[in-house]
Amino acid sequence: MDTITLQGMAFYGYHGCLAEEQQHGQPFYVDAVLNMNLAAAGASDVLTDTVDYSKVYAVIQNIVETRKYQLIERLAEVIADTVLTQFAVDAVTITVHKPHAPIGGPIHDVSVTIERTRHA
């Protein structure tokens, strides 16, 4: 399976279990791997034969920046479901990074990765 990868998309969102996270927000980073057959696009050099990743970016940005979830697991699930619904991809892998997670000590990053496929 071929892939298109959008890595390190940076957004500011209001996700978390703590009231402070929901009020003040924090940075989130999202990686999206889109699985689909890219042979037609490779042969034609035509955008309509692939997924316009600028549109995928805009959809993910809208979800992260305009909605609020307690869990990054839920955020990742909503992103995956939306990408599968709105774009002609066979499967997606979504990673949501929360580098400022309030865990009580120094940490580089907390992330959740989910993989979802289109139901036949």
PDB file of N, CA and C in Angstrom:
ATOM      1  N   MET A   1       0.841  -1.181   0.000  1.00  0.00           N
ATOM      2  CA  MET A   1       0.000   0.000   0.000  1.00  0.00           C
ATOM      3  C   MET A   1       0.884   1.242   0.000  1.00  0.00           C
ATOM      4  N   ASP A   2       0.500   2.217  -0.767  1.00  0.00           N
ATOM      5  CA  ASP A   2       1.243   3.474  -0.854  1.00  0.00           C
ATOM      6  C   ASP A   2       0.787   4.412   0.263  1.00  0.00           C
ATOM      7  N   THR A   3       1.617   5.403   0.572  1.00  0.00           N
ATOM      8  CA  THR A   3       1.274   6.312   1.665  1.00  0.00           C
ATOM      9  C   THR A   3       1.585   7.762   1.317  1.00  0.00           C
ATOM     10  N   ILE A   4       0.783   8.635   1.873  1.00  0.00           N
ATOM     11  CA  ILE A   4       1.057  10.063   1.938  1.00  0.00           C
ATOM     12  C   ILE A   4       1.170  10.376   3.421  1.00  0.00           C
ATOM     13  N   THR A   5       2.244  11.053   3.817  1.00  0.00           N
ATOM     14  CA  THR A   5       2.470  11.347   5.224  1.00  0.00           C
ATOM     15  C   THR A   5       2.511  12.848   5.455  1.00  0.00           C
ATOM     16  N   LEU A   6       1.716  13.295   6.403  1.00  0.00           N
ATOM     17  CA  LEU A   6       1.755  14.676   6.881  1.00  0.00           C
ATOM     18  C   LEU A   6       2.308  14.590   8.300  1.00  0.00           C
ATOM     19  N   GLN A   7       3.501  15.086   8.497  1.00  0.00           N
ATOM     20  CA  GLN A   7       4.186  14.893   9.785  1.00  0.00           C
ATOM     21  C   GLN A   7       4.438  16.232  10.462  1.00  0.00           C
ATOM     22  N   GLY A   8       4.131  16.268  11.750  1.00  0.00           N
ATOM     23  CA  GLY A   8       4.449  17.440  12.554  1.00  0.00           C
ATOM     24  C   GLY A   8       3.528  18.627  12.344  1.00  0.00           C
ATOM     25  N   MET A   9       2.268  18.378  11.997  1.00  0.00           N
ATOM     26  CA  MET A   9       1.319  19.485  11.870  1.00  0.00           C
ATOM     27  C   MET A   9       1.122  20.099  13.254  1.00  0.00           C
ATOM     28  N   ALA A  10       1.319  21.397  13.373  1.00  0.00           N
ATOM     29  CA  ALA A  10       1.289  22.075  14.667  1.00  0.00           C
ATOM     30  C   ALA A  10       0.014  22.903  14.809  1.00  0.00           C
ATOM     31  N   PHE A  11      -0.686  22.680  15.928  1.00  0.00           N
ATOM     32  CA  PHE A  11      -1.938  23.377  16.193  1.00  0.00           C
ATOM     33  C   PHE A  11      -1.995  23.773  17.670  1.00  0.00           C
ATOM     34  N   TYR A  12      -2.910  24.679  17.988  1.00  0.00           N
ATOM     35  CA  TYR A  12      -3.165  25.045  19.371  1.00  0.00           C
ATOM     36  C   TYR A  12      -4.592  24.629  19.687  1.00  0.00           C
ATOM     37  N   GLY A  13      -4.739  23.796  20.719  1.00  0.00           N
ATOM     38  CA  GLY A  13      -6.052  23.258  21.042  1.00  0.00           C
ATOM     39  C   GLY A  13      -6.339  23.267  22.524  1.00  0.00           C
ATOM     40  N   TYR A  14      -7.563  22.862  22.846  1.00  0.00           N
ATOM     41  CA  TYR A  14      -8.077  22.926  24.221  1.00  0.00           C
ATOM     42  C   TYR A  14      -8.565  21.551  24.655  1.00  0.00           C
ATOM     43  N   HIS A  15      -7.659  20.587  24.637  1.00  0.00           N
ATOM     44  CA  HIS A  15      -8.003  19.208  24.957  1.00  0.00           C
ATOM     45  C   HIS A  15      -7.307  18.797  26.242  1.00  0.00           C
ATOM     46  N   GLY A  16      -8.038  18.103  27.096  1.00  0.00           N
ATOM     47  CA  GLY A  16      -7.455  17.614  28.333  1.00  0.00           C
ATOM     48  C   GLY A  16      -8.522  17.425  29.384  1.00  0.00           C
ATOM     49  N   CYS A  17      -8.181  16.686  30.410  1.00  0.00           N
ATOM     50  CA  CYS A  17      -9.116  16.402  31.497  1.00  0.00           C
ATOM     51  C   CYS A  17      -9.182  17.527  32.530  1.00  0.00           C
ATOM     52  N   LEU A  18      -8.143  18.335  32.583  1.00  0.00           N
ATOM     53  CA  LEU A  18      -8.108  19.408  33.577  1.00  0.00           C
ATOM     54  C   LEU A  18      -8.791  20.662  33.044  1.00  0.00           C
ATOM     55  N   ALA A  19      -9.469  21.378  33.928  1.00  0.00           N
ATOM     56  CA  ALA A  19     -10.151  22.619  33.535  1.00  0.00           C
ATOM     57  C   ALA A  19      -9.164  23.615  32.936  1.00  0.00           C
ATOM     58  N   GLU A  20      -7.970  23.663  33.468  1.00  0.00           N
ATOM     59  CA  GLU A  20      -6.943  24.583  32.959  1.00  0.00           C
ATOM     60  C   GLU A  20      -6.608  24.289  31.493  1.00  0.00           C
ATOM     61  N   GLU A  21      -6.539  23.018  31.147  1.00  0.00           N
ATOM     62  CA  GLU A  21      -6.247  22.642  29.764  1.00  0.00           C
ATOM     63  C   GLU A  21      -7.380  23.070  28.831  1.00  0.00           C
ATOM     64  N   GLN A  22      -8.606  22.918  29.306  1.00  0.00           N
ATOM     65  CA  GLN A  22      -9.770  23.284  28.500  1.00  0.00           C
ATOM     66  C   GLN A  22      -9.904  24.804  28.355  1.00  0.00           C
ATOM     67  N   GLN A  23      -9.389  25.559  29.328  1.00  0.00           N
ATOM     68  CA  GLN A  23      -9.506  27.022  29.303  1.00  0.00           C
ATOM     69  C   GLN A  23      -8.333  27.694  28.594  1.00  0.00           C
ATOM     70  N   HIS A  24      -7.113  27.262  28.899  1.00  0.00           N
ATOM     71  CA  HIS A  24      -5.922  27.952  28.397  1.00  0.00           C
ATOM     72  C   HIS A  24      -5.324  27.308  27.153  1.00  0.00           C
ATOM     73  N   GLY A  25      -5.578  26.036  26.951  1.00  0.00           N
ATOM     74  CA  GLY A  25      -5.064  25.345  25.785  1.00  0.00           C
ATOM     75  C   GLY A  25      -3.567  25.103  25.822  1.00  0.00           C
ATOM     76  N   GLN A  26      -3.082  24.476  24.760  1.00  0.00           N
ATOM     77  CA  GLN A  26      -1.672  24.141  24.632  1.00  0.00           C
ATOM     78  C   GLN A  26      -1.404  23.650  23.217  1.00  0.00           C
ATOM     79  N   PRO A  27      -0.139  23.536  22.850  1.00  0.00           N
ATOM     80  CA  PRO A  27       0.170  23.041  21.506  1.00  0.00           C
ATOM     81  C   PRO A  27      -0.058  21.532  21.382  1.00  0.00           C
ATOM     82  N   PHE A  28      -0.507  21.153  20.220  1.00  0.00           N
ATOM     83  CA  PHE A  28      -0.655  19.748  19.856  1.00  0.00           C
ATOM     84  C   PHE A  28      -0.010  19.566  18.490  1.00  0.00           C
ATOM     85  N   TYR A  29       0.567  18.402  18.277  1.00  0.00           N
ATOM     86  CA  TYR A  29       1.174  18.071  16.984  1.00  0.00           C
ATOM     87  C   TYR A  29       0.512  16.799  16.487  1.00  0.00           C
ATOM     88  N   VAL A  30       0.221  16.767  15.210  1.00  0.00           N
ATOM     89  CA  VAL A  30      -0.474  15.622  14.630  1.00  0.00           C
ATOM     90  C   VAL A  30       0.307  15.110  13.430  1.00  0.00           C
ATOM     91  N   ASP A  31       0.449  13.796  13.368  1.00  0.00           N
ATOM     92  CA  ASP A  31       1.015  13.109  12.209  1.00  0.00           C
ATOM     93  C   ASP A  31      -0.114  12.287  11.596  1.00  0.00           C
ATOM     94  N   ALA A  32      -0.215  12.315  10.279  1.00  0.00           N
ATOM     95  CA  ALA A  32      -1.237  11.528   9.590  1.00  0.00           C
ATOM     96  C   ALA A  32      -0.577  10.763   8.449  1.00  0.00           C
ATOM     97  N   VAL A  33      -0.796   9.471   8.426  1.00  0.00           N
ATOM     98  CA  VAL A  33      -0.335   8.617   7.330  1.00  0.00           C
ATOM     99  C   VAL A  33      -1.584   8.120   6.615  1.00  0.00           C
ATOM    100  N   LEU A  34      -1.700   8.469   5.343  1.00  0.00           N
ATOM    101  CA  LEU A  34      -2.851   8.104   4.535  1.00  0.00           C
ATOM    102  C   LEU A  34      -2.448   6.972   3.601  1.00  0.00           C
ATOM    103  N   ASN A  35      -3.145   5.864   3.675  1.00  0.00           N
ATOM    104  CA  ASN A  35      -2.841   4.702   2.850  1.00  0.00           C
ATOM    105  C   ASN A  35      -3.834   4.606   1.690  1.00  0.00           C
ATOM    106  N   MET A  36      -3.291   4.527   0.491  1.00  0.00           N
ATOM    107  CA  MET A  36      -4.109   4.374  -0.707  1.00  0.00           C
ATOM    108  C   MET A  36      -3.210   3.982  -1.867  1.00  0.00           C
ATOM    109  N   ASN A  37      -3.804   3.550  -2.948  1.00  0.00           N
ATOM    110  CA  ASN A  37      -3.042   3.211  -4.145  1.00  0.00           C
ATOM    111  C   ASN A  37      -2.758   4.501  -4.910  1.00  0.00           C
ATOM    112  N   LEU A  38      -1.496   4.836  -5.076  1.00  0.00           N
ATOM    113  CA  LEU A  38      -1.096   6.066  -5.745  1.00  0.00           C
ATOM    114  C   LEU A  38      -0.628   5.836  -7.186  1.00  0.00           C
ATOM    115  N   ALA A  39      -0.863   4.653  -7.724  1.00  0.00           N
ATOM    116  CA  ALA A  39      -0.393   4.338  -9.072  1.00  0.00           C
ATOM    117  C   ALA A  39      -0.998   5.266 -10.119  1.00  0.00           C
ATOM    118  N   ALA A  40      -2.289   5.546 -10.024  1.00  0.00           N
ATOM    119  CA  ALA A  40      -2.939   6.420 -11.013  1.00  0.00           C
ATOM    120  C   ALA A  40      -2.330   7.814 -10.988  1.00  0.00           C
ATOM    121  N   ALA A  41      -2.116   8.364  -9.792  1.00  0.00           N
ATOM    122  CA  ALA A  41      -1.516   9.696  -9.672  1.00  0.00           C
ATOM    123  C   ALA A  41      -0.078   9.693 -10.171  1.00  0.00           C
ATOM    124  N   GLY A  42       0.642   8.630  -9.882  1.00  0.00           N
ATOM    125  CA  GLY A  42       2.018   8.531 -10.350  1.00  0.00           C
ATOM    126  C   GLY A  42       2.110   8.488 -11.861  1.00  0.00           C
ATOM    127  N   ALA A  43       1.115   7.882 -12.486  1.00  0.00           N
ATOM    128  CA  ALA A  43       1.112   7.783 -13.948  1.00  0.00           C
ATOM    129  C   ALA A  43       0.578   9.059 -14.614  1.00  0.00           C
ATOM    130  N   SER A  44      -0.418   9.686 -14.003  1.00  0.00           N
ATOM    131  CA  SER A  44      -1.100  10.810 -14.658  1.00  0.00           C
ATOM    132  C   SER A  44      -0.535  12.181 -14.322  1.00  0.00           C
ATOM    133  N   ASP A  45       0.037  12.321 -13.129  1.00  0.00           N
ATOM    134  CA  ASP A  45       0.518  13.619 -12.660  1.00  0.00           C
ATOM    135  C   ASP A  45      -0.642  14.623 -12.516  1.00  0.00           C
ATOM    136  N   VAL A  46      -1.820  14.098 -12.122  1.00  0.00           N
ATOM    137  CA  VAL A  46      -3.030  14.899 -11.991  1.00  0.00           C
ATOM    138  C   VAL A  46      -3.519  14.833 -10.539  1.00  0.00           C
ATOM    139  N   LEU A  47      -3.765  16.001  -9.952  1.00  0.00           N
ATOM    140  CA  LEU A  47      -4.160  16.087  -8.543  1.00  0.00           C
ATOM    141  C   LEU A  47      -5.425  15.301  -8.227  1.00  0.00           C
ATOM    142  N   THR A  48      -6.370  15.263  -9.137  1.00  0.00           N
ATOM    143  CA  THR A  48      -7.627  14.556  -8.863  1.00  0.00           C
ATOM    144  C   THR A  48      -7.451  13.039  -8.750  1.00  0.00           C
ATOM    145  N   ASP A  49      -6.279  12.533  -9.116  1.00  0.00           N
ATOM    146  CA  ASP A  49      -6.009  11.101  -8.980  1.00  0.00           C
ATOM    147  C   ASP A  49      -5.374  10.745  -7.641  1.00  0.00           C
ATOM    148  N   THR A  50      -5.291  11.713  -6.741  1.00  0.00           N
ATOM    149  CA  THR A  50      -4.703  11.480  -5.426  1.00  0.00           C
ATOM    150  C   THR A  50      -5.526  12.233  -4.385  1.00  0.00           C
ATOM    151  N   VAL A  51      -5.006  12.350  -3.198  1.00  0.00           N
ATOM    152  CA  VAL A  51      -5.651  13.115  -2.131  1.00  0.00           C
ATOM    153  C   VAL A  51      -4.936  14.452  -2.021  1.00  0.00           C
ATOM    154  N   ASP A  52      -5.707  15.523  -2.040  1.00  0.00           N
ATOM    155  CA  ASP A  52      -5.149  16.864  -1.874  1.00  0.00           C
ATOM    156  C   ASP A  52      -4.805  17.045  -0.398  1.00  0.00           C
ATOM    157  N   TYR A  53      -3.532  16.924  -0.067  1.00  0.00           N
ATOM    158  CA  TYR A  53      -3.168  16.941   1.347  1.00  0.00           C
ATOM    159  C   TYR A  53      -3.317  18.305   1.992  1.00  0.00           C
ATOM    160  N   SER A  54      -3.429  19.368   1.211  1.00  0.00           N
ATOM    161  CA  SER A  54      -3.740  20.664   1.820  1.00  0.00           C
ATOM    162  C   SER A  54      -5.163  20.653   2.382  1.00  0.00           C
ATOM    163  N   LYS A  55      -6.063  19.920   1.748  1.00  0.00           N
ATOM    164  CA  LYS A  55      -7.433  19.790   2.258  1.00  0.00           C
ATOM    165  C   LYS A  55      -7.468  18.898   3.494  1.00  0.00           C
ATOM    166  N   VAL A  56      -6.653  17.857   3.512  1.00  0.00           N
ATOM    167  CA  VAL A  56      -6.556  17.003   4.698  1.00  0.00           C
ATOM    168  C   VAL A  56      -6.050  17.833   5.881  1.00  0.00           C
ATOM    169  N   TYR A  57      -5.019  18.630   5.636  1.00  0.00           N
ATOM    170  CA  TYR A  57      -4.479  19.511   6.684  1.00  0.00           C
ATOM    171  C   TYR A  57      -5.575  20.421   7.231  1.00  0.00           C
ATOM    172  N   ALA A  58      -6.346  21.048   6.352  1.00  0.00           N
ATOM    173  CA  ALA A  58      -7.396  21.979   6.783  1.00  0.00           C
ATOM    174  C   ALA A  58      -8.454  21.281   7.637  1.00  0.00           C
ATOM    175  N   VAL A  59      -8.815  20.053   7.277  1.00  0.00           N
ATOM    176  CA  VAL A  59      -9.799  19.293   8.051  1.00  0.00           C
ATOM    177  C   VAL A  59      -9.264  18.982   9.443  1.00  0.00           C
ATOM    178  N   ILE A  60      -8.013  18.541   9.518  1.00  0.00           N
ATOM    179  CA  ILE A  60      -7.407  18.217  10.808  1.00  0.00           C
ATOM    180  C   ILE A  60      -7.260  19.476  11.652  1.00  0.00           C
ATOM    181  N   GLN A  61      -6.823  20.560  11.040  1.00  0.00           N
ATOM    182  CA  GLN A  61      -6.685  21.827  11.760  1.00  0.00           C
ATOM    183  C   GLN A  61      -8.019  22.252  12.368  1.00  0.00           C
ATOM    184  N   ASN A  62      -9.081  22.157  11.601  1.00  0.00           N
ATOM    185  CA  ASN A  62     -10.398  22.534  12.097  1.00  0.00           C
ATOM    186  C   ASN A  62     -10.802  21.700  13.315  1.00  0.00           C
ATOM    187  N   ILE A  63     -10.562  20.408  13.259  1.00  0.00           N
ATOM    188  CA  ILE A  63     -10.922  19.535  14.381  1.00  0.00           C
ATOM    189  C   ILE A  63     -10.124  19.894  15.623  1.00  0.00           C
ATOM    190  N   VAL A  64      -8.806  20.010  15.483  1.00  0.00           N
ATOM    191  CA  VAL A  64      -7.947  20.258  16.647  1.00  0.00           C
ATOM    192  C   VAL A  64      -8.217  21.631  17.250  1.00  0.00           C
ATOM    193  N   GLU A  65      -8.437  22.632  16.406  1.00  0.00           N
ATOM    194  CA  GLU A  65      -8.519  24.001  16.904  1.00  0.00           C
ATOM    195  C   GLU A  65      -9.923  24.465  17.284  1.00  0.00           C
ATOM    196  N   THR A  66     -10.969  23.758  16.859  1.00  0.00           N
ATOM    197  CA  THR A  66     -12.322  24.248  17.162  1.00  0.00           C
ATOM    198  C   THR A  66     -13.125  23.342  18.081  1.00  0.00           C
ATOM    199  N   ARG A  67     -12.636  22.168  18.366  1.00  0.00           N
ATOM    200  CA  ARG A  67     -13.368  21.245  19.244  1.00  0.00           C
ATOM    201  C   ARG A  67     -12.595  21.040  20.536  1.00  0.00           C
ATOM    202  N   LYS A  68     -13.276  20.491  21.528  1.00  0.00           N
ATOM    203  CA  LYS A  68     -12.633  20.194  22.811  1.00  0.00           C
ATOM    204  C   LYS A  68     -12.943  18.755  23.209  1.00  0.00           C
ATOM    205  N   TYR A  69     -11.890  18.021  23.546  1.00  0.00           N
ATOM    206  CA  TYR A  69     -12.035  16.643  24.036  1.00  0.00           C
ATOM    207  C   TYR A  69     -11.187  16.486  25.284  1.00  0.00           C
ATOM    208  N   GLN A  70     -11.600  15.606  26.150  1.00  0.00           N
ATOM    209  CA  GLN A  70     -10.821  15.342  27.354  1.00  0.00           C
ATOM    210  C   GLN A  70      -9.595  14.494  27.031  1.00  0.00           C
ATOM    211  N   LEU A  71      -9.744  13.555  26.119  1.00  0.00           N
ATOM    212  CA  LEU A  71      -8.677  12.591  25.835  1.00  0.00           C
ATOM    213  C   LEU A  71      -8.112  12.779  24.432  1.00  0.00           C
ATOM    214  N   ILE A  72      -6.791  12.650  24.312  1.00  0.00           N
ATOM    215  CA  ILE A  72      -6.204  12.699  22.978  1.00  0.00           C
ATOM    216  C   ILE A  72      -6.559  11.438  22.193  1.00  0.00           C
ATOM    217  N   GLU A  73      -6.937  10.380  22.887  1.00  0.00           N
ATOM    218  CA  GLU A  73      -7.429   9.186  22.209  1.00  0.00           C
ATOM    219  C   GLU A  73      -8.690   9.515  21.403  1.00  0.00           C
ATOM    220  N   ARG A  74      -9.581  10.295  22.023  1.00  0.00           N
ATOM    221  CA  ARG A  74     -10.813  10.702  21.330  1.00  0.00           C
ATOM    222  C   ARG A  74     -10.497  11.646  20.169  1.00  0.00           C
ATOM    223  N   LEU A  75      -9.598  12.574  20.390  1.00  0.00           N
ATOM    224  CA  LEU A  75      -9.190  13.497  19.334  1.00  0.00           C
ATOM    225  C   LEU A  75      -8.653  12.724  18.133  1.00  0.00           C
ATOM    226  N   ALA A  76      -7.788  11.756  18.374  1.00  0.00           N
ATOM    227  CA  ALA A  76      -7.230  10.939  17.289  1.00  0.00           C
ATOM    228  C   ALA A  76      -8.325  10.164  16.570  1.00  0.00           C
ATOM    229  N   GLU A  77      -9.265   9.620  17.320  1.00  0.00           N
ATOM    230  CA  GLU A  77     -10.372   8.853  16.732  1.00  0.00           C
ATOM    231  C   GLU A  77     -11.233   9.723  15.819  1.00  0.00           C
ATOM    232  N   VAL A  78     -11.563  10.923  16.268  1.00  0.00           N
ATOM    233  CA  VAL A  78     -12.377  11.834  15.460  1.00  0.00           C
ATOM    234  C   VAL A  78     -11.632  12.223  14.181  1.00  0.00           C
ATOM    235  N   ILE A  79     -10.347  12.500  14.297  1.00  0.00           N
ATOM    236  CA  ILE A  79      -9.552  12.832  13.111  1.00  0.00           C
ATOM    237  C   ILE A  79      -9.560  11.657  12.135  1.00  0.00           C
ATOM    238  N   ALA A  80      -9.294  10.462  12.619  1.00  0.00           N
ATOM    239  CA  ALA A  80      -9.245   9.282  11.747  1.00  0.00           C
ATOM    240  C   ALA A  80     -10.588   9.052  11.063  1.00  0.00           C
ATOM    241  N   ASP A  81     -11.672   9.090  11.833  1.00  0.00           N
ATOM    242  CA  ASP A  81     -13.003   8.874  11.256  1.00  0.00           C
ATOM    243  C   ASP A  81     -13.326   9.915  10.189  1.00  0.00           C
ATOM    244  N   THR A  82     -12.979  11.163  10.448  1.00  0.00           N
ATOM    245  CA  THR A  82     -13.277  12.239   9.507  1.00  0.00           C
ATOM    246  C   THR A  82     -12.470  12.095   8.226  1.00  0.00           C
ATOM    247  N   VAL A  83     -11.191  11.779   8.350  1.00  0.00           N
ATOM    248  CA  VAL A  83     -10.357  11.604   7.160  1.00  0.00           C
ATOM    249  C   VAL A  83     -10.866  10.431   6.317  1.00  0.00           C
ATOM    250  N   LEU A  84     -11.218   9.333   6.971  1.00  0.00           N
ATOM    251  CA  LEU A  84     -11.737   8.185   6.234  1.00  0.00           C
ATOM    252  C   LEU A  84     -13.066   8.506   5.542  1.00  0.00           C
ATOM    253  N   THR A  85     -13.869   9.341   6.160  1.00  0.00           N
ATOM    254  CA  THR A  85     -15.173   9.697   5.599  1.00  0.00           C
ATOM    255  C   THR A  85     -15.053  10.687   4.444  1.00  0.00           C
ATOM    256  N   GLN A  86     -14.154  11.649   4.576  1.00  0.00           N
ATOM    257  CA  GLN A  86     -14.108  12.745   3.608  1.00  0.00           C
ATOM    258  C   GLN A  86     -13.130  12.548   2.449  1.00  0.00           C
ATOM    259  N   PHE A  87     -12.232  11.575   2.563  1.00  0.00           N
ATOM    260  CA  PHE A  87     -11.213  11.410   1.535  1.00  0.00           C
ATOM    261  C   PHE A  87     -11.144   9.953   1.066  1.00  0.00           C
ATOM    262  N   ALA A  88     -10.704   9.760  -0.166  1.00  0.00           N
ATOM    263  CA  ALA A  88     -10.639   8.425  -0.773  1.00  0.00           C
ATOM    264  C   ALA A  88      -9.362   7.715  -0.353  1.00  0.00           C
ATOM    265  N   VAL A  89      -9.267   7.414   0.936  1.00  0.00           N
ATOM    266  CA  VAL A  89      -8.128   6.660   1.461  1.00  0.00           C
ATOM    267  C   VAL A  89      -8.634   5.330   1.989  1.00  0.00           C
ATOM    268  N   ASP A  90      -7.774   4.323   1.961  1.00  0.00           N
ATOM    269  CA  ASP A  90      -8.155   2.995   2.428  1.00  0.00           C
ATOM    270  C   ASP A  90      -7.939   2.822   3.927  1.00  0.00           C
ATOM    271  N   ALA A  91      -6.945   3.530   4.460  1.00  0.00           N
ATOM    272  CA  ALA A  91      -6.625   3.421   5.883  1.00  0.00           C
ATOM    273  C   ALA A  91      -5.869   4.677   6.313  1.00  0.00           C
ATOM    274  N   VAL A  92      -5.905   4.936   7.607  1.00  0.00           N
ATOM    275  CA  VAL A  92      -5.162   6.072   8.163  1.00  0.00           C
ATOM    276  C   VAL A  92      -4.488   5.650   9.454  1.00  0.00           C
ATOM    277  N   THR A  93      -3.355   6.268   9.702  1.00  0.00           N
ATOM    278  CA  THR A  93      -2.703   6.164  11.001  1.00  0.00           C
ATOM    279  C   THR A  93      -2.562   7.599  11.498  1.00  0.00           C
ATOM    280  N   ILE A  94      -3.106   7.859  12.667  1.00  0.00           N
ATOM    281  CA  ILE A  94      -3.088   9.197  13.250  1.00  0.00           C
ATOM    282  C   ILE A  94      -2.319   9.144  14.560  1.00  0.00           C
ATOM    283  N   THR A  95      -1.357  10.047  14.705  1.00  0.00           N
ATOM    284  CA  THR A  95      -0.652  10.206  15.975  1.00  0.00           C
ATOM    285  C   THR A  95      -0.883  11.620  16.463  1.00  0.00           C
ATOM    286  N   VAL A  96      -1.367  11.741  17.692  1.00  0.00           N
ATOM    287  CA  VAL A  96      -1.552  13.039  18.338  1.00  0.00           C
ATOM    288  C   VAL A  96      -0.510  13.149  19.440  1.00  0.00           C
ATOM    289  N   HIS A  97       0.300  14.192  19.367  1.00  0.00           N
ATOM    290  CA  HIS A  97       1.340  14.466  20.357  1.00  0.00           C
ATOM    291  C   HIS A  97       0.877  15.587  21.282  1.00  0.00           C
ATOM    292  N   LYS A  98       1.097  15.385  22.567  1.00  0.00           N
ATOM    293  CA  LYS A  98       0.752  16.386  23.581  1.00  0.00           C
ATOM    294  C   LYS A  98       2.010  16.616  24.428  1.00  0.00           C
ATOM    295  N   PRO A  99       2.920  17.465  23.942  1.00  0.00           N
ATOM    296  CA  PRO A  99       4.216  17.602  24.612  1.00  0.00           C
ATOM    297  C   PRO A  99       4.162  18.288  25.974  1.00  0.00           C
ATOM    298  N   HIS A 100       3.087  18.995  26.271  1.00  0.00           N
ATOM    299  CA  HIS A 100       2.981  19.671  27.560  1.00  0.00           C
ATOM    300  C   HIS A 100       1.943  19.012  28.464  1.00  0.00           C
ATOM    301  N   ALA A 101       1.804  17.709  28.337  1.00  0.00           N
ATOM    302  CA  ALA A 101       0.843  16.981  29.174  1.00  0.00           C
ATOM    303  C   ALA A 101       1.201  17.154  30.646  1.00  0.00           C
ATOM    304  N   PRO A 102       0.204  17.463  31.474  1.00  0.00           N
ATOM    305  CA  PRO A 102       0.471  17.689  32.894  1.00  0.00           C
ATOM    306  C   PRO A 102       0.589  16.366  33.656  1.00  0.00           C
ATOM    307  N   ILE A 103       1.785  15.801  33.650  1.00  0.00           N
ATOM    308  CA  ILE A 103       1.957  14.498  34.301  1.00  0.00           C
ATOM    309  C   ILE A 103       2.777  14.577  35.581  1.00  0.00           C
ATOM    310  N   GLY A 104       3.194  15.769  35.973  1.00  0.00           N
ATOM    311  CA  GLY A 104       3.887  15.925  37.251  1.00  0.00           C
ATOM    312  C   GLY A 104       5.394  15.800  37.190  1.00  0.00           C
ATOM    313  N   GLY A 105       5.967  15.822  36.004  1.00  0.00           N
ATOM    314  CA  GLY A 105       7.411  15.727  35.884  1.00  0.00           C
ATOM    315  C   GLY A 105       7.855  15.974  34.465  1.00  0.00           C
ATOM    316  N   PRO A 106       9.164  16.090  34.274  1.00  0.00           N
ATOM    317  CA  PRO A 106       9.674  16.373  32.927  1.00  0.00           C
ATOM    318  C   PRO A 106       9.426  15.198  31.976  1.00  0.00           C
ATOM    319  N   ILE A 107       9.012  15.554  30.784  1.00  0.00           N
ATOM    320  CA  ILE A 107       8.802  14.552  29.733  1.00  0.00           C
ATOM    321  C   ILE A 107       8.926  15.247  28.392  1.00  0.00           C
ATOM    322  N   HIS A 108       9.444  14.552  27.420  1.00  0.00           N
ATOM    323  CA  HIS A 108       9.592  15.128  26.081  1.00  0.00           C
ATOM    324  C   HIS A 108       8.256  15.172  25.347  1.00  0.00           C
ATOM    325  N   ASP A 109       7.462  14.102  25.467  1.00  0.00           N
ATOM    326  CA  ASP A 109       6.244  14.010  24.675  1.00  0.00           C
ATOM    327  C   ASP A 109       5.362  12.892  25.204  1.00  0.00           C
ATOM    328  N   VAL A 110       4.069  13.091  25.075  1.00  0.00           N
ATOM    329  CA  VAL A 110       3.085  12.029  25.259  1.00  0.00           C
ATOM    330  C   VAL A 110       2.322  11.959  23.953  1.00  0.00           C
ATOM    331  N   SER A 111       2.138  10.757  23.429  1.00  0.00           N
ATOM    332  CA  SER A 111       1.409  10.646  22.168  1.00  0.00           C
ATOM    333  C   SER A 111       0.542   9.404  22.148  1.00  0.00           C
ATOM    334  N   VAL A 112      -0.453   9.460  21.298  1.00  0.00           N
ATOM    335  CA  VAL A 112      -1.349   8.339  21.050  1.00  0.00           C
ATOM    336  C   VAL A 112      -1.347   8.097  19.547  1.00  0.00           C
ATOM    337  N   THR A 113      -1.222   6.842  19.148  1.00  0.00           N
ATOM    338  CA  THR A 113      -1.279   6.481  17.738  1.00  0.00           C
ATOM    339  C   THR A 113      -2.384   5.461  17.535  1.00  0.00           C
ATOM    340  N   ILE A 114      -3.248   5.744  16.560  1.00  0.00           N
ATOM    341  CA  ILE A 114      -4.312   4.791  16.217  1.00  0.00           C
ATOM    342  C   ILE A 114      -4.269   4.518  14.717  1.00  0.00           C
ATOM    343  N   GLU A 115      -4.683   3.324  14.343  1.00  0.00           N
ATOM    344  CA  GLU A 115      -4.788   2.941  12.940  1.00  0.00           C
ATOM    345  C   GLU A 115      -6.221   2.522  12.679  1.00  0.00           C
ATOM    346  N   ARG A 116      -6.794   3.068  11.613  1.00  0.00           N
ATOM    347  CA  ARG A 116      -8.181   2.730  11.261  1.00  0.00           C
ATOM    348  C   ARG A 116      -8.245   2.472   9.746  1.00  0.00           C
ATOM    349  N   THR A 117      -9.123   1.551   9.362  1.00  0.00           N
ATOM    350  CA  THR A 117      -9.297   1.236   7.955  1.00  0.00           C
ATOM    351  C   THR A 117     -10.745   1.490   7.564  1.00  0.00           C
ATOM    352  N   ARG A 118     -10.920   1.723   6.275  1.00  0.00           N
ATOM    353  CA  ARG A 118     -12.265   1.922   5.738  1.00  0.00           C
ATOM    354  C   ARG A 118     -13.011   0.605   5.822  1.00  0.00           C
ATOM    355  N   HIS A 119     -14.230   0.668   6.287  1.00  0.00           N
ATOM    356  CA  HIS A 119     -15.059  -0.555   6.355  1.00  0.00           C
ATOM    357  C   HIS A 119     -15.625  -0.849   4.979  1.00  0.00           C
ATOM    358  N   ALA A 120     -15.509  -2.090   4.584  1.00  0.00           N
ATOM    359  CA  ALA A 120     -15.975  -2.487   3.231  1.00  0.00           C
ATOM    360  C   ALA A 120     -17.478  -2.482   3.129  1.00  0.00           C
TER     361      ALA A 120
END
